[in-house]
PDB file of N, CA and C in Angstrom:
ATOM      1  N   MET A   1       1.954  25.120  10.010  1.00  0.00           N
ATOM      2  CA  MET A   1       3.149  24.428  10.446  1.00  0.00           C
ATOM      3  C   MET A   1       3.657  23.613   9.267  1.00  0.00           C
ATOM      4  N   THR A   2       4.930  23.715   8.990  1.00  0.00           N
ATOM      5  CA  THR A   2       5.556  22.952   7.912  1.00  0.00           C
ATOM      6  C   THR A   2       6.511  21.957   8.536  1.00  0.00           C
ATOM      7  N   ARG A   3       6.412  20.723   8.107  1.00  0.00           N
ATOM      8  CA  ARG A   3       7.242  19.680   8.687  1.00  0.00           C
ATOM      9  C   ARG A   3       7.807  18.825   7.576  1.00  0.00           C
ATOM     10  N   THR A   4       9.078  18.496   7.675  1.00  0.00           N
ATOM     11  CA  THR A   4       9.707  17.598   6.730  1.00  0.00           C
ATOM     12  C   THR A   4      10.233  16.413   7.513  1.00  0.00           C
ATOM     13  N   MET A   5       9.858  15.197   7.108  1.00  0.00           N
ATOM     14  CA  MET A   5      10.316  13.988   7.788  1.00  0.00           C
ATOM     15  C   MET A   5      11.009  13.113   6.771  1.00  0.00           C
ATOM     16  N   LEU A   6      12.019  12.393   7.228  1.00  0.00           N
ATOM     17  CA  LEU A   6      12.756  11.502   6.350  1.00  0.00           C
ATOM     18  C   LEU A   6      12.729  10.109   6.946  1.00  0.00           C
ATOM     19  N   HIS A   7      12.255   9.121   6.187  1.00  0.00           N
ATOM     20  CA  HIS A   7      12.225   7.719   6.623  1.00  0.00           C
ATOM     21  C   HIS A   7      13.142   6.937   5.704  1.00  0.00           C
ATOM     22  N   PHE A   8      13.987   6.105   6.277  1.00  0.00           N
ATOM     23  CA  PHE A   8      14.803   5.214   5.467  1.00  0.00           C
ATOM     24  C   PHE A   8      14.196   3.828   5.544  1.00  0.00           C
ATOM     25  N   VAL A   9      13.873   3.256   4.398  1.00  0.00           N
ATOM     26  CA  VAL A   9      13.294   1.925   4.288  1.00  0.00           C
ATOM     27  C   VAL A   9      14.204   1.166   3.334  1.00  0.00           C
ATOM     28  N   PRO A  10      14.440  -0.124   3.575  1.00  0.00           N
ATOM     29  CA  PRO A  10      15.320  -0.876   2.670  1.00  0.00           C
ATOM     30  C   PRO A  10      14.943  -0.644   1.213  1.00  0.00           C
ATOM     31  N   ALA A  11      15.905  -0.208   0.441  1.00  0.00           N
ATOM     32  CA  ALA A  11      15.784   0.014  -1.010  1.00  0.00           C
ATOM     33  C   ALA A  11      14.765   1.075  -1.390  1.00  0.00           C
ATOM     34  N   ALA A  12      14.298   1.833  -0.412  1.00  0.00           N
ATOM     35  CA  ALA A  12      13.354   2.887  -0.740  1.00  0.00           C
ATOM     36  C   ALA A  12      13.593   4.079   0.168  1.00  0.00           C
ATOM     37  N   LEU A  13      13.609   5.229  -0.393  1.00  0.00           N
ATOM     38  CA  LEU A  13      13.758   6.455   0.382  1.00  0.00           C
ATOM     39  C   LEU A  13      12.524   7.271   0.111  1.00  0.00           C
ATOM     40  N   ALA A  14      11.726   7.514   1.151  1.00  0.00           N
ATOM     41  CA  ALA A  14      10.497   8.260   0.964  1.00  0.00           C
ATOM     42  C   ALA A  14      10.617   9.597   1.675  1.00  0.00           C
ATOM     43  N   LEU A  15      10.386  10.650   0.967  1.00  0.00           N
ATOM     44  CA  LEU A  15      10.456  11.983   1.543  1.00  0.00           C
ATOM     45  C   LEU A  15       9.038  12.523   1.630  1.00  0.00           C
ATOM     46  N   PHE A  16       8.609  12.795   2.841  1.00  0.00           N
ATOM     47  CA  PHE A  16       7.271  13.297   3.056  1.00  0.00           C
ATOM     48  C   PHE A  16       7.378  14.774   3.424  1.00  0.00           C
ATOM     49  N   VAL A  17       6.693  15.619   2.674  1.00  0.00           N
ATOM     50  CA  VAL A  17       6.709  17.038   2.977  1.00  0.00           C
ATOM     51  C   VAL A  17       5.262  17.499   3.099  1.00  0.00           C
ATOM     52  N   SER A  18       4.935  18.056   4.232  1.00  0.00           N
ATOM     53  CA  SER A  18       3.594  18.576   4.445  1.00  0.00           C
ATOM     54  C   SER A  18       3.665  20.087   4.264  1.00  0.00           C
ATOM     55  N   ALA A  19       3.113  20.579   3.170  1.00  0.00           N
ATOM     56  CA  ALA A  19       3.220  22.005   2.881  1.00  0.00           C
ATOM     57  C   ALA A  19       1.868  22.629   2.587  1.00  0.00           C
ATOM     58  N   GLY A  20       0.795  22.043   3.073  1.00  0.00           N
ATOM     59  CA  GLY A  20      -0.523  22.624   2.892  1.00  0.00           C
ATOM     60  C   GLY A  20      -1.026  22.609   1.461  1.00  0.00           C
ATOM     61  N   ALA A  21      -0.847  21.509   0.750  1.00  0.00           N
ATOM     62  CA  ALA A  21      -1.325  21.413  -0.634  1.00  0.00           C
ATOM     63  C   ALA A  21      -2.833  21.560  -0.657  1.00  0.00           C
ATOM     64  N   THR A  22      -3.348  22.229  -1.683  1.00  0.00           N
ATOM     65  CA  THR A  22      -4.781  22.473  -1.754  1.00  0.00           C
ATOM     66  C   THR A  22      -5.502  21.518  -2.686  1.00  0.00           C
ATOM     67  N   SER A  23      -4.781  20.807  -3.531  1.00  0.00           N
ATOM     68  CA  SER A  23      -5.437  19.868  -4.431  1.00  0.00           C
ATOM     69  C   SER A  23      -4.528  18.665  -4.657  1.00  0.00           C
ATOM     70  N   ALA A  24      -5.139  17.597  -5.119  1.00  0.00           N
ATOM     71  CA  ALA A  24      -4.382  16.375  -5.398  1.00  0.00           C
ATOM     72  C   ALA A  24      -4.675  15.966  -6.833  1.00  0.00           C
ATOM     73  N   GLU A  25      -3.675  15.396  -7.484  1.00  0.00           N
ATOM     74  CA  GLU A  25      -3.898  14.892  -8.829  1.00  0.00           C
ATOM     75  C   GLU A  25      -3.564  13.421  -8.856  1.00  0.00           C
ATOM     76  N   THR A  26      -4.234  12.694  -9.724  1.00  0.00           N
ATOM     77  CA  THR A  26      -4.007  11.269  -9.858  1.00  0.00           C
ATOM     78  C   THR A  26      -2.867  11.036 -10.832  1.00  0.00           C
ATOM     79  N   LEU A  27      -1.922  10.226 -10.420  1.00  0.00           N
ATOM     80  CA  LEU A  27      -0.787   9.892 -11.273  1.00  0.00           C
ATOM     81  C   LEU A  27      -0.870   8.408 -11.600  1.00  0.00           C
ATOM     82  N   THR A  28      -0.986   8.078 -12.861  1.00  0.00           N
ATOM     83  CA  THR A  28      -1.029   6.689 -13.284  1.00  0.00           C
ATOM     84  C   THR A  28       0.280   6.372 -13.995  1.00  0.00           C
ATOM     85  N   PRO A  29       1.122   5.546 -13.352  1.00  0.00           N
ATOM     86  CA  PRO A  29       2.404   5.224 -13.986  1.00  0.00           C
ATOM     87  C   PRO A  29       2.203   4.345 -15.216  1.00  0.00           C
ATOM     88  N   LYS A  30       3.107   4.510 -16.190  1.00  0.00           N
ATOM     89  CA  LYS A  30       3.062   3.672 -17.384  1.00  0.00           C
ATOM     90  C   LYS A  30       3.897   2.430 -17.122  1.00  0.00           C
ATOM     91  N   PHE A  31       3.320   1.291 -17.410  1.00  0.00           N
ATOM     92  CA  PHE A  31       4.078   0.044 -17.283  1.00  0.00           C
ATOM     93  C   PHE A  31       3.505  -0.992 -18.234  1.00  0.00           C
ATOM     94  N   ASP A  32       4.319  -1.992 -18.511  1.00  0.00           N
ATOM     95  CA  ASP A  32       3.945  -3.062 -19.419  1.00  0.00           C
ATOM     96  C   ASP A  32       3.662  -4.317 -18.596  1.00  0.00           C
ATOM     97  N   PRO A  33       2.417  -4.799 -18.580  1.00  0.00           N
ATOM     98  CA  PRO A  33       2.084  -5.996 -17.802  1.00  0.00           C
ATOM     99  C   PRO A  33       2.929  -7.213 -18.171  1.00  0.00           C
ATOM    100  N   ASP A  34       3.469  -7.248 -19.395  1.00  0.00           N
ATOM    101  CA  ASP A  34       4.287  -8.387 -19.814  1.00  0.00           C
ATOM    102  C   ASP A  34       5.633  -8.432 -19.092  1.00  0.00           C
ATOM    103  N   ARG A  35       5.992  -7.377 -18.388  1.00  0.00           N
ATOM    104  CA  ARG A  35       7.249  -7.354 -17.626  1.00  0.00           C
ATOM    105  C   ARG A  35       7.114  -8.094 -16.291  1.00  0.00           C
ATOM    106  N   PHE A  36       5.904  -8.559 -15.973  1.00  0.00           N
ATOM    107  CA  PHE A  36       5.653  -9.206 -14.697  1.00  0.00           C
ATOM    108  C   PHE A  36       5.301 -10.672 -14.902  1.00  0.00           C
ATOM    109  N   VAL A  37       5.644 -11.502 -13.915  1.00  0.00           N
ATOM    110  CA  VAL A  37       5.338 -12.931 -13.954  1.00  0.00           C
ATOM    111  C   VAL A  37       4.115 -13.171 -13.075  1.00  0.00           C
ATOM    112  N   GLU A  38       3.148 -13.919 -13.591  1.00  0.00           N
ATOM    113  CA  GLU A  38       1.928 -14.227 -12.848  1.00  0.00           C
ATOM    114  C   GLU A  38       2.261 -14.871 -11.510  1.00  0.00           C
ATOM    115  N   GLY A  39       1.750 -14.292 -10.438  1.00  0.00           N
ATOM    116  CA  GLY A  39       1.917 -14.880  -9.103  1.00  0.00           C
ATOM    117  C   GLY A  39       3.295 -14.694  -8.489  1.00  0.00           C
ATOM    118  N   GLN A  40       4.166 -13.897  -9.104  1.00  0.00           N
ATOM    119  CA  GLN A  40       5.523 -13.680  -8.602  1.00  0.00           C
ATOM    120  C   GLN A  40       5.484 -13.120  -7.182  1.00  0.00           C
ATOM    121  N   ALA A  41       6.150 -13.806  -6.270  1.00  0.00           N
ATOM    122  CA  ALA A  41       6.285 -13.298  -4.909  1.00  0.00           C
ATOM    123  C   ALA A  41       7.274 -12.140  -4.912  1.00  0.00           C
ATOM    124  N   ILE A  42       7.125 -11.224  -3.978  1.00  0.00           N
ATOM    125  CA  ILE A  42       8.083 -10.120  -3.881  1.00  0.00           C
ATOM    126  C   ILE A  42       9.181 -10.565  -2.927  1.00  0.00           C
ATOM    127  N   ASP A  43      10.288 -11.014  -3.536  1.00  0.00           N
ATOM    128  CA  ASP A  43      11.403 -11.549  -2.754  1.00  0.00           C
ATOM    129  C   ASP A  43      12.694 -10.768  -3.000  1.00  0.00           C
ATOM    130  N   ASN A  44      12.563  -9.525  -3.458  1.00  0.00           N
ATOM    131  CA  ASN A  44      13.717  -8.658  -3.674  1.00  0.00           C
ATOM    132  C   ASN A  44      14.480  -8.546  -2.360  1.00  0.00           C
ATOM    133  N   LYS A  45      15.808  -8.754  -2.388  1.00  0.00           N
ATOM    134  CA  LYS A  45      16.577  -8.795  -1.138  1.00  0.00           C
ATOM    135  C   LYS A  45      16.594  -7.453  -0.413  1.00  0.00           C
ATOM    136  N   TYR A  46      16.324  -6.362  -1.114  1.00  0.00           N
ATOM    137  CA  TYR A  46      16.314  -5.048  -0.475  1.00  0.00           C
ATOM    138  C   TYR A  46      14.930  -4.600  -0.031  1.00  0.00           C
ATOM    139  N   TYR A  47      13.898  -5.196  -0.591  1.00  0.00           N
ATOM    140  CA  TYR A  47      12.533  -4.809  -0.228  1.00  0.00           C
ATOM    141  C   TYR A  47      11.588  -6.000  -0.329  1.00  0.00           C
ATOM    142  N   PRO A  48      11.822  -7.039   0.485  1.00  0.00           N
ATOM    143  CA  PRO A  48      10.927  -8.205   0.438  1.00  0.00           C
ATOM    144  C   PRO A  48       9.581  -7.866   1.088  1.00  0.00           C
ATOM    145  N   LEU A  49       8.520  -8.395   0.536  1.00  0.00           N
ATOM    146  CA  LEU A  49       7.188  -8.165   1.082  1.00  0.00           C
ATOM    147  C   LEU A  49       6.476  -9.506   1.209  1.00  0.00           C
ATOM    148  N   ALA A  50       6.689 -10.171   2.314  1.00  0.00           N
ATOM    149  CA  ALA A  50       6.024 -11.454   2.560  1.00  0.00           C
ATOM    150  C   ALA A  50       4.704 -11.198   3.281  1.00  0.00           C
ATOM    151  N   PRO A  51       3.665 -11.971   2.952  1.00  0.00           N
ATOM    152  CA  PRO A  51       2.365 -11.796   3.604  1.00  0.00           C
ATOM    153  C   PRO A  51       2.505 -11.823   5.124  1.00  0.00           C
ATOM    154  N   GLY A  52       1.903 -10.823   5.772  1.00  0.00           N
ATOM    155  CA  GLY A  52       1.935 -10.745   7.229  1.00  0.00           C
ATOM    156  C   GLY A  52       3.119  -9.974   7.793  1.00  0.00           C
ATOM    157  N   ASP A  53       4.123  -9.643   6.966  1.00  0.00           N
ATOM    158  CA  ASP A  53       5.257  -8.855   7.454  1.00  0.00           C
ATOM    159  C   ASP A  53       4.751  -7.541   8.032  1.00  0.00           C
ATOM    160  N   ARG A  54       5.430  -7.079   9.092  1.00  0.00           N
ATOM    161  CA  ARG A  54       5.047  -5.822   9.737  1.00  0.00           C
ATOM    162  C   ARG A  54       6.310  -5.054  10.090  1.00  0.00           C
ATOM    163  N   VAL A  55       6.343  -3.776   9.751  1.00  0.00           N
ATOM    164  CA  VAL A  55       7.472  -2.903  10.045  1.00  0.00           C
ATOM    165  C   VAL A  55       6.921  -1.659  10.731  1.00  0.00           C
ATOM    166  N   VAL A  56       7.600  -1.219  11.780  1.00  0.00           N
ATOM    167  CA  VAL A  56       7.205   0.003  12.475  1.00  0.00           C
ATOM    168  C   VAL A  56       8.339   1.011  12.348  1.00  0.00           C
ATOM    169  N   LEU A  57       8.029   2.188  11.799  1.00  0.00           N
ATOM    170  CA  LEU A  57       8.995   3.269  11.642  1.00  0.00           C
ATOM    171  C   LEU A  57       8.576   4.417  12.551  1.00  0.00           C
ATOM    172  N   THR A  58       9.515   5.002  13.269  1.00  0.00           N
ATOM    173  CA  THR A  58       9.173   6.114  14.150  1.00  0.00           C
ATOM    174  C   THR A  58      10.086   7.305  13.902  1.00  0.00           C
ATOM    175  N   ALA A  59       9.559   8.470  14.161  1.00  0.00           N
ATOM    176  CA  ALA A  59      10.338   9.705  14.058  1.00  0.00           C
ATOM    177  C   ALA A  59       9.890  10.627  15.184  1.00  0.00           C
ATOM    178  N   ARG A  60      10.844  11.218  15.859  1.00  0.00           N
ATOM    179  CA  ARG A  60      10.566  12.197  16.912  1.00  0.00           C
ATOM    180  C   ARG A  60      11.399  13.425  16.614  1.00  0.00           C
ATOM    181  N   GLY A  61      10.898  14.567  17.007  1.00  0.00           N
ATOM    182  CA  GLY A  61      11.679  15.767  16.781  1.00  0.00           C
ATOM    183  C   GLY A  61      10.921  17.012  17.140  1.00  0.00           C
ATOM    184  N   VAL A  62      11.418  18.116  16.621  1.00  0.00           N
ATOM    185  CA  VAL A  62      10.815  19.422  16.833  1.00  0.00           C
ATOM    186  C   VAL A  62      10.558  20.021  15.454  1.00  0.00           C
ATOM    187  N   ASP A  63       9.341  20.493  15.232  1.00  0.00           N
ATOM    188  CA  ASP A  63       9.016  21.056  13.921  1.00  0.00           C
ATOM    189  C   ASP A  63       9.494  22.497  13.810  1.00  0.00           C
ATOM    190  N   ASP A  64       9.207  23.132  12.679  1.00  0.00           N
ATOM    191  CA  ASP A  64       9.668  24.502  12.416  1.00  0.00           C
ATOM    192  C   ASP A  64       9.110  25.522  13.402  1.00  0.00           C
ATOM    193  N   ASP A  65       7.980  25.190  14.037  1.00  0.00           N
ATOM    194  CA  ASP A  65       7.367  26.094  15.003  1.00  0.00           C
ATOM    195  C   ASP A  65       7.835  25.834  16.423  1.00  0.00           C
ATOM    196  N   GLY A  66       8.783  24.904  16.578  1.00  0.00           N
ATOM    197  CA  GLY A  66       9.314  24.595  17.901  1.00  0.00           C
ATOM    198  C   GLY A  66       8.482  23.601  18.692  1.00  0.00           C
ATOM    199  N   GLU A  67       7.470  23.000  18.056  1.00  0.00           N
ATOM    200  CA  GLU A  67       6.621  22.019  18.734  1.00  0.00           C
ATOM    201  C   GLU A  67       7.195  20.619  18.565  1.00  0.00           C
ATOM    202  N   ARG A  68       7.167  19.861  19.648  1.00  0.00           N
ATOM    203  CA  ARG A  68       7.644  18.479  19.596  1.00  0.00           C
ATOM    204  C   ARG A  68       6.616  17.620  18.872  1.00  0.00           C
ATOM    205  N   PHE A  69       7.100  16.586  18.165  1.00  0.00           N
ATOM    206  CA  PHE A  69       6.194  15.648  17.507  1.00  0.00           C
ATOM    207  C   PHE A  69       6.760  14.241  17.615  1.00  0.00           C
ATOM    208  N   HIS A  70       5.861  13.281  17.520  1.00  0.00           N
ATOM    209  CA  HIS A  70       6.213  11.860  17.490  1.00  0.00           C
ATOM    210  C   HIS A  70       5.328  11.218  16.441  1.00  0.00           C
ATOM    211  N   VAL A  71       5.943  10.737  15.380  1.00  0.00           N
ATOM    212  CA  VAL A  71       5.208  10.112  14.279  1.00  0.00           C
ATOM    213  C   VAL A  71       5.616   8.646  14.196  1.00  0.00           C
ATOM    214  N   LYS A  72       4.622   7.794  14.021  1.00  0.00           N
ATOM    215  CA  LYS A  72       4.876   6.360  13.869  1.00  0.00           C
ATOM    216  C   LYS A  72       4.120   5.869  12.653  1.00  0.00           C
ATOM    217  N   ASN A  73       4.812   5.151  11.774  1.00  0.00           N
ATOM    218  CA  ASN A  73       4.174   4.488  10.632  1.00  0.00           C
ATOM    219  C   ASN A  73       4.222   2.990  10.881  1.00  0.00           C
ATOM    220  N   VAL A  74       3.087   2.337  10.720  1.00  0.00           N
ATOM    221  CA  VAL A  74       3.005   0.887  10.845  1.00  0.00           C
ATOM    222  C   VAL A  74       2.664   0.351   9.463  1.00  0.00           C
ATOM    223  N   LEU A  75       3.604  -0.423   8.889  1.00  0.00           N
ATOM    224  CA  LEU A  75       3.431  -0.996   7.557  1.00  0.00           C
ATOM    225  C   LEU A  75       3.180  -2.488   7.696  1.00  0.00           C
ATOM    226  N   THR A  76       2.066  -2.972   7.178  1.00  0.00           N
ATOM    227  CA  THR A  76       1.705  -4.378   7.268  1.00  0.00           C
ATOM    228  C   THR A  76       1.361  -4.903   5.881  1.00  0.00           C
ATOM    229  N   VAL A  77       2.015  -5.986   5.471  1.00  0.00           N
ATOM    230  CA  VAL A  77       1.702  -6.603   4.181  1.00  0.00           C
ATOM    231  C   VAL A  77       0.422  -7.417   4.350  1.00  0.00           C
ATOM    232  N   VAL A  78      -0.567  -7.116   3.535  1.00  0.00           N
ATOM    233  CA  VAL A  78      -1.862  -7.786   3.616  1.00  0.00           C
ATOM    234  C   VAL A  78      -1.724  -9.184   3.023  1.00  0.00           C
ATOM    235  N   PRO A  79      -2.080 -10.241   3.808  1.00  0.00           N
ATOM    236  CA  PRO A  79      -1.877 -11.614   3.346  1.00  0.00           C
ATOM    237  C   PRO A  79      -2.689 -12.003   2.115  1.00  0.00           C
ATOM    238  N   SER A  80      -3.936 -11.594   2.004  1.00  0.00           N
ATOM    239  CA  SER A  80      -4.756 -11.960   0.859  1.00  0.00           C
ATOM    240  C   SER A  80      -6.024 -11.128   0.888  1.00  0.00           C
ATOM    241  N   PRO A  81      -6.788 -11.052  -0.140  1.00  0.00           N
ATOM    242  CA  PRO A  81      -6.476 -11.569  -1.464  1.00  0.00           C
ATOM    243  C   PRO A  81      -5.476 -10.667  -2.174  1.00  0.00           C
ATOM    244  N   ARG A  82      -4.896 -11.187  -3.245  1.00  0.00           N
ATOM    245  CA  ARG A  82      -3.953 -10.405  -4.057  1.00  0.00           C
ATOM    246  C   ARG A  82      -4.670 -10.000  -5.329  1.00  0.00           C
ATOM    247  N   PRO A  83      -5.231  -8.794  -5.344  1.00  0.00           N
ATOM    248  CA  PRO A  83      -5.987  -8.356  -6.531  1.00  0.00           C
ATOM    249  C   PRO A  83      -5.084  -8.065  -7.715  1.00  0.00           C
ATOM    250  N   ARG A  84      -5.724  -7.792  -8.838  1.00  0.00           N
ATOM    251  CA  ARG A  84      -4.999  -7.431 -10.060  1.00  0.00           C
ATOM    252  C   ARG A  84      -5.225  -5.952 -10.347  1.00  0.00           C
ATOM    253  N   ILE A  85      -4.160  -5.312 -10.809  1.00  0.00           N
ATOM    254  CA  ILE A  85      -4.259  -3.949 -11.313  1.00  0.00           C
ATOM    255  C   ILE A  85      -3.645  -3.971 -12.705  1.00  0.00           C
ATOM    256  N   GLU A  86      -4.429  -3.565 -13.695  1.00  0.00           N
ATOM    257  CA  GLU A  86      -3.970  -3.579 -15.087  1.00  0.00           C
ATOM    258  C   GLU A  86      -3.422  -4.952 -15.495  1.00  0.00           C
ATOM    259  N   GLY A  87      -4.033  -6.022 -14.981  1.00  0.00           N
ATOM    260  CA  GLY A  87      -3.626  -7.374 -15.356  1.00  0.00           C
ATOM    261  C   GLY A  87      -2.472  -7.947 -14.563  1.00  0.00           C
ATOM    262  N   VAL A  88      -1.942  -7.196 -13.620  1.00  0.00           N
ATOM    263  CA  VAL A  88      -0.799  -7.656 -12.831  1.00  0.00           C
ATOM    264  C   VAL A  88      -1.266  -7.962 -11.409  1.00  0.00           C
ATOM    265  N   ARG A  89      -0.949  -9.166 -10.922  1.00  0.00           N
ATOM    266  CA  ARG A  89      -1.292  -9.524  -9.538  1.00  0.00           C
ATOM    267  C   ARG A  89      -0.364  -8.756  -8.614  1.00  0.00           C
ATOM    268  N   ILE A  90      -0.939  -8.011  -7.673  1.00  0.00           N
ATOM    269  CA  ILE A  90      -0.155  -7.131  -6.814  1.00  0.00           C
ATOM    270  C   ILE A  90      -0.177  -7.611  -5.356  1.00  0.00           C
ATOM    271  N   THR A  91       0.733  -7.047  -4.576  1.00  0.00           N
ATOM    272  CA  THR A  91       0.758  -7.248  -3.129  1.00  0.00           C
ATOM    273  C   THR A  91       0.386  -5.917  -2.503  1.00  0.00           C
ATOM    274  N   ALA A  92      -0.545  -5.948  -1.574  1.00  0.00           N
ATOM    275  CA  ALA A  92      -0.990  -4.720  -0.910  1.00  0.00           C
ATOM    276  C   ALA A  92      -0.292  -4.570   0.434  1.00  0.00           C
ATOM    277  N   GLN A  93       0.039  -3.339   0.763  1.00  0.00           N
ATOM    278  CA  GLN A  93       0.649  -3.030   2.058  1.00  0.00           C
ATOM    279  C   GLN A  93      -0.213  -1.947   2.710  1.00  0.00           C
ATOM    280  N   LEU A  94      -0.684  -2.233   3.908  1.00  0.00           N
ATOM    281  CA  LEU A  94      -1.468  -1.276   4.675  1.00  0.00           C
ATOM    282  C   LEU A  94      -0.498  -0.367   5.420  1.00  0.00           C
ATOM    283  N   ASP A  95      -0.619   0.934   5.216  1.00  0.00           N
ATOM    284  CA  ASP A  95       0.254   1.931   5.840  1.00  0.00           C
ATOM    285  C   ASP A  95      -0.613   2.815   6.726  1.00  0.00           C
ATOM    286  N   ARG A  96      -0.346   2.756   8.035  1.00  0.00           N
ATOM    287  CA  ARG A  96      -1.071   3.597   8.982  1.00  0.00           C
ATOM    288  C   ARG A  96      -0.081   4.558   9.640  1.00  0.00           C
ATOM    289  N   GLU A  97      -0.395   5.835   9.600  1.00  0.00           N
ATOM    290  CA  GLU A  97       0.479   6.844  10.208  1.00  0.00           C
ATOM    291  C   GLU A  97      -0.217   7.437  11.428  1.00  0.00           C
ATOM    292  N   TYR A  98       0.496   7.412  12.542  1.00  0.00           N
ATOM    293  CA  TYR A  98      -0.003   7.967  13.792  1.00  0.00           C
ATOM    294  C   TYR A  98       0.863   9.150  14.188  1.00  0.00           C
ATOM    295  N   GLU A  99       0.235  10.212  14.653  1.00  0.00           N
ATOM    296  CA  GLU A  99       0.987  11.336  15.198  1.00  0.00           C
ATOM    297  C   GLU A  99       0.501  11.551  16.619  1.00  0.00           C
ATOM    298  N   ASP A 100       1.444  11.504  17.551  1.00  0.00           N
ATOM    299  CA  ASP A 100       1.126  11.638  18.977  1.00  0.00           C
ATOM    300  C   ASP A 100       0.016  10.665  19.381  1.00  0.00           C
ATOM    301  N   GLY A 101       0.064   9.444  18.825  1.00  0.00           N
ATOM    302  CA  GLY A 101      -0.871   8.386  19.186  1.00  0.00           C
ATOM    303  C   GLY A 101      -2.193   8.399  18.445  1.00  0.00           C
ATOM    304  N   LEU A 102      -2.461   9.415  17.634  1.00  0.00           N
ATOM    305  CA  LEU A 102      -3.729   9.498  16.911  1.00  0.00           C
ATOM    306  C   LEU A 102      -3.520   9.150  15.438  1.00  0.00           C
ATOM    307  N   LEU A 103      -4.409   8.313  14.902  1.00  0.00           N
ATOM    308  CA  LEU A 103      -4.333   7.926  13.494  1.00  0.00           C
ATOM    309  C   LEU A 103      -4.552   9.155  12.622  1.00  0.00           C
ATOM    310  N   GLN A 104      -3.578   9.458  11.750  1.00  0.00           N
ATOM    311  CA  GLN A 104      -3.653  10.615  10.867  1.00  0.00           C
ATOM    312  C   GLN A 104      -3.940  10.217   9.420  1.00  0.00           C
ATOM    313  N   GLU A 105      -3.438   9.049   9.023  1.00  0.00           N
ATOM    314  CA  GLU A 105      -3.584   8.636   7.633  1.00  0.00           C
ATOM    315  C   GLU A 105      -3.570   7.112   7.556  1.00  0.00           C
ATOM    316  N   LYS A 106      -4.421   6.580   6.697  1.00  0.00           N
ATOM    317  CA  LYS A 106      -4.469   5.135   6.456  1.00  0.00           C
ATOM    318  C   LYS A 106      -4.576   4.946   4.951  1.00  0.00           C
ATOM    319  N   THR A 107      -3.568   4.278   4.365  1.00  0.00           N
ATOM    320  CA  THR A 107      -3.575   4.046   2.927  1.00  0.00           C
ATOM    321  C   THR A 107      -3.189   2.604   2.636  1.00  0.00           C
ATOM    322  N   TYR A 108      -3.554   2.150   1.462  1.00  0.00           N
ATOM    323  CA  TYR A 108      -3.067   0.886   0.932  1.00  0.00           C
ATOM    324  C   TYR A 108      -2.110   1.218  -0.204  1.00  0.00           C
ATOM    325  N   ASP A 109      -0.910   0.682  -0.128  1.00  0.00           N
ATOM    326  CA  ASP A 109       0.093   0.862  -1.164  1.00  0.00           C
ATOM    327  C   ASP A 109       0.222  -0.457  -1.909  1.00  0.00           C
ATOM    328  N   TYR A 110       0.375  -0.397  -3.226  1.00  0.00           N
ATOM    329  CA  TYR A 110       0.361  -1.598  -4.058  1.00  0.00           C
ATOM    330  C   TYR A 110       1.712  -1.797  -4.737  1.00  0.00           C
ATOM    331  N   PHE A 111       2.219  -3.041  -4.675  1.00  0.00           N
ATOM    332  CA  PHE A 111       3.527  -3.365  -5.210  1.00  0.00           C
ATOM    333  C   PHE A 111       3.464  -4.632  -6.044  1.00  0.00           C
ATOM    334  N   ALA A 112       4.372  -4.736  -7.012  1.00  0.00           N
ATOM    335  CA  ALA A 112       4.564  -5.961  -7.791  1.00  0.00           C
ATOM    336  C   ALA A 112       6.045  -6.018  -8.143  1.00  0.00           C
ATOM    337  N   GLN A 113       6.537  -7.224  -8.355  1.00  0.00           N
ATOM    338  CA  GLN A 113       7.942  -7.408  -8.723  1.00  0.00           C
ATOM    339  C   GLN A 113       8.016  -7.840 -10.170  1.00  0.00           C
ATOM    340  N   ASP A 114       8.830  -7.137 -10.968  1.00  0.00           N
ATOM    341  CA  ASP A 114       8.939  -7.480 -12.382  1.00  0.00           C
ATOM    342  C   ASP A 114       9.925  -8.631 -12.603  1.00  0.00           C
ATOM    343  N   LYS A 115      10.068  -9.050 -13.847  1.00  0.00           N
ATOM    344  CA  LYS A 115      10.928 -10.190 -14.193  1.00  0.00           C
ATOM    345  C   LYS A 115      12.391  -9.957 -13.837  1.00  0.00           C
ATOM    346  N   ARG A 116      12.814  -8.699 -13.760  1.00  0.00           N
ATOM    347  CA  ARG A 116      14.196  -8.363 -13.415  1.00  0.00           C
ATOM    348  C   ARG A 116      14.410  -8.253 -11.907  1.00  0.00           C
ATOM    349  N   GLY A 117      13.329  -8.422 -11.126  1.00  0.00           N
ATOM    350  CA  GLY A 117      13.449  -8.363  -9.668  1.00  0.00           C
ATOM    351  C   GLY A 117      13.207  -6.993  -9.080  1.00  0.00           C
ATOM    352  N   ASN A 118      12.822  -6.016  -9.912  1.00  0.00           N
ATOM    353  CA  ASN A 118      12.536  -4.669  -9.421  1.00  0.00           C
ATOM    354  C   ASN A 118      11.161  -4.627  -8.771  1.00  0.00           C
ATOM    355  N   VAL A 119      11.061  -4.001  -7.632  1.00  0.00           N
ATOM    356  CA  VAL A 119       9.779  -3.823  -6.961  1.00  0.00           C
ATOM    357  C   VAL A 119       9.217  -2.483  -7.400  1.00  0.00           C
ATOM    358  N   ARG A 120       8.009  -2.542  -7.932  1.00  0.00           N
ATOM    359  CA  ARG A 120       7.367  -1.314  -8.458  1.00  0.00           C
ATOM    360  C   ARG A 120       6.036  -1.102  -7.808  1.00  0.00           C
TER     361      ARG A 120
END
């Protein structure tokens, strides 16, 4: 079964495509830690991430095989601790995806805001 879902999130468009991938590769983005301010809160007006914030995204529809689905993503900003990655203090967001009420995926996504206000 192949399914394409589209979620609109403030200042972010995430396209999820499930196509039966057989392997995963690690992608390490290049960035300069000097572009970030120590302890900078993520207060970008399009994608603010305050500790404890919670957003619920839902999608319902029919997949390519004609089967109905209901997907819910629950995004919660983890209040603390704020660990460092490559010398930059980050904010963690817990992302839980449920399909038809069953937990399918649980990940932690990591964000930081640079000196220009960009959330990365």
